[in-house]
Protein backbone atom coordinates (compact mmCIF):
# COMPACT_ATOMS: atom_id res chain seq x y z
CA MET A 1 -26.05 24.55 -3.70
CA PRO A 2 -29.35 22.64 -3.99
CA LYS A 3 -32.43 24.11 -2.38
CA ARG A 4 -34.24 22.07 0.25
CA ILE A 5 -37.79 20.95 -0.53
CA LEU A 6 -40.28 20.12 2.23
CA GLN A 7 -43.86 18.84 2.12
CA GLY A 8 -46.55 19.82 4.57
CA THR A 9 -50.10 20.96 5.22
CA VAL A 10 -51.28 24.56 4.96
CA VAL A 11 -52.55 25.66 8.39
CA SER A 12 -53.14 29.34 7.57
CA ASP A 13 -53.68 31.41 4.42
CA LYS A 14 -54.81 34.65 6.04
CA GLY A 15 -51.78 36.74 5.03
CA ASP A 16 -51.54 38.40 1.63
CA LYS A 17 -49.24 36.25 -0.55
CA THR A 18 -48.24 34.30 2.58
CA ILE A 19 -49.14 30.84 3.84
CA VAL A 20 -48.10 28.94 6.95
CA VAL A 21 -47.13 25.32 6.34
CA LYS A 22 -46.88 22.68 9.07
CA VAL A 23 -44.20 20.09 8.26
CA GLU A 24 -44.13 16.87 10.29
CA ARG A 25 -41.09 14.65 10.62
CA THR A 26 -40.58 11.31 12.33
CA TYR A 27 -37.43 9.96 13.91
CA LEU A 28 -36.36 7.15 16.20
CA HIS A 29 -35.84 8.19 19.81
CA PRO A 30 -32.19 7.44 20.71
CA LEU A 31 -32.92 5.98 24.16
CA PHE A 32 -36.44 4.55 23.99
CA LYS A 33 -36.23 3.30 20.37
CA LYS A 34 -39.75 4.53 19.65
CA THR A 35 -40.88 6.57 16.68
CA VAL A 36 -41.47 10.20 17.65
CA ARG A 37 -43.38 12.79 15.59
CA ARG A 38 -42.28 16.41 15.62
CA SER A 39 -43.72 19.31 13.63
CA LYS A 40 -42.58 22.79 12.69
CA LYS A 41 -44.33 25.70 10.97
CA TYR A 42 -42.80 27.60 8.07
CA HIS A 43 -43.98 30.87 6.51
CA ALA A 44 -43.93 30.56 2.71
CA HIS A 45 -44.48 32.96 -0.19
CA ASP A 46 -47.51 32.28 -2.41
CA GLU A 47 -47.41 34.85 -5.23
CA THR A 48 -50.89 34.14 -6.64
CA ASN A 49 -52.76 33.38 -3.38
CA ALA A 50 -53.84 30.12 -5.05
CA VAL A 51 -53.18 27.75 -2.12
CA LYS A 52 -55.97 27.27 0.42
CA MET A 53 -56.04 26.01 3.99
CA GLY A 54 -55.84 22.24 4.44
CA GLU A 55 -54.02 21.53 1.16
CA MET A 56 -50.80 19.52 0.94
CA VAL A 57 -48.05 21.63 -0.62
CA ARG A 58 -44.34 21.46 -1.31
CA ILE A 59 -42.19 24.43 -0.31
CA ARG A 60 -38.70 25.30 -1.50
CA GLU A 61 -35.98 27.25 0.24
CA CYS A 62 -35.32 30.70 -1.23
CA ALA A 63 -33.67 34.02 -0.51
CA PRO A 64 -35.32 35.99 2.33
CA LYS A 65 -38.49 37.73 1.13
CA SER A 66 -39.43 39.29 4.49
CA LYS A 67 -38.68 38.98 8.21
CA LEU A 68 -40.17 35.47 8.48
CA LYS A 69 -40.45 34.21 4.88
CA ARG A 70 -37.49 32.11 3.67
CA TRP A 71 -39.59 29.58 1.69
CA GLU A 72 -41.78 29.69 -1.41
CA VAL A 73 -44.50 27.43 -2.82
CA TYR A 74 -42.86 24.90 -5.17
CA THR A 75 -44.66 23.46 -8.18
CA ALA A 76 -42.62 20.93 -10.12
């Protein structure tokens, strides 16, 4: 099964080997027919602590690494 890949902005890098990524998505509202922006935060694993706050990163779905981390930094 293919792993999902998302792109977002790093909003926190305070945890050891952990970053928080904010991913924004847009969709058309079913009733009002206007474009709506929604965002969600994902905890991702960063093995080398190389990613800093404010950077755009891609994250990939992975097996659970901790209670909250189900994603890892993806470099293709």
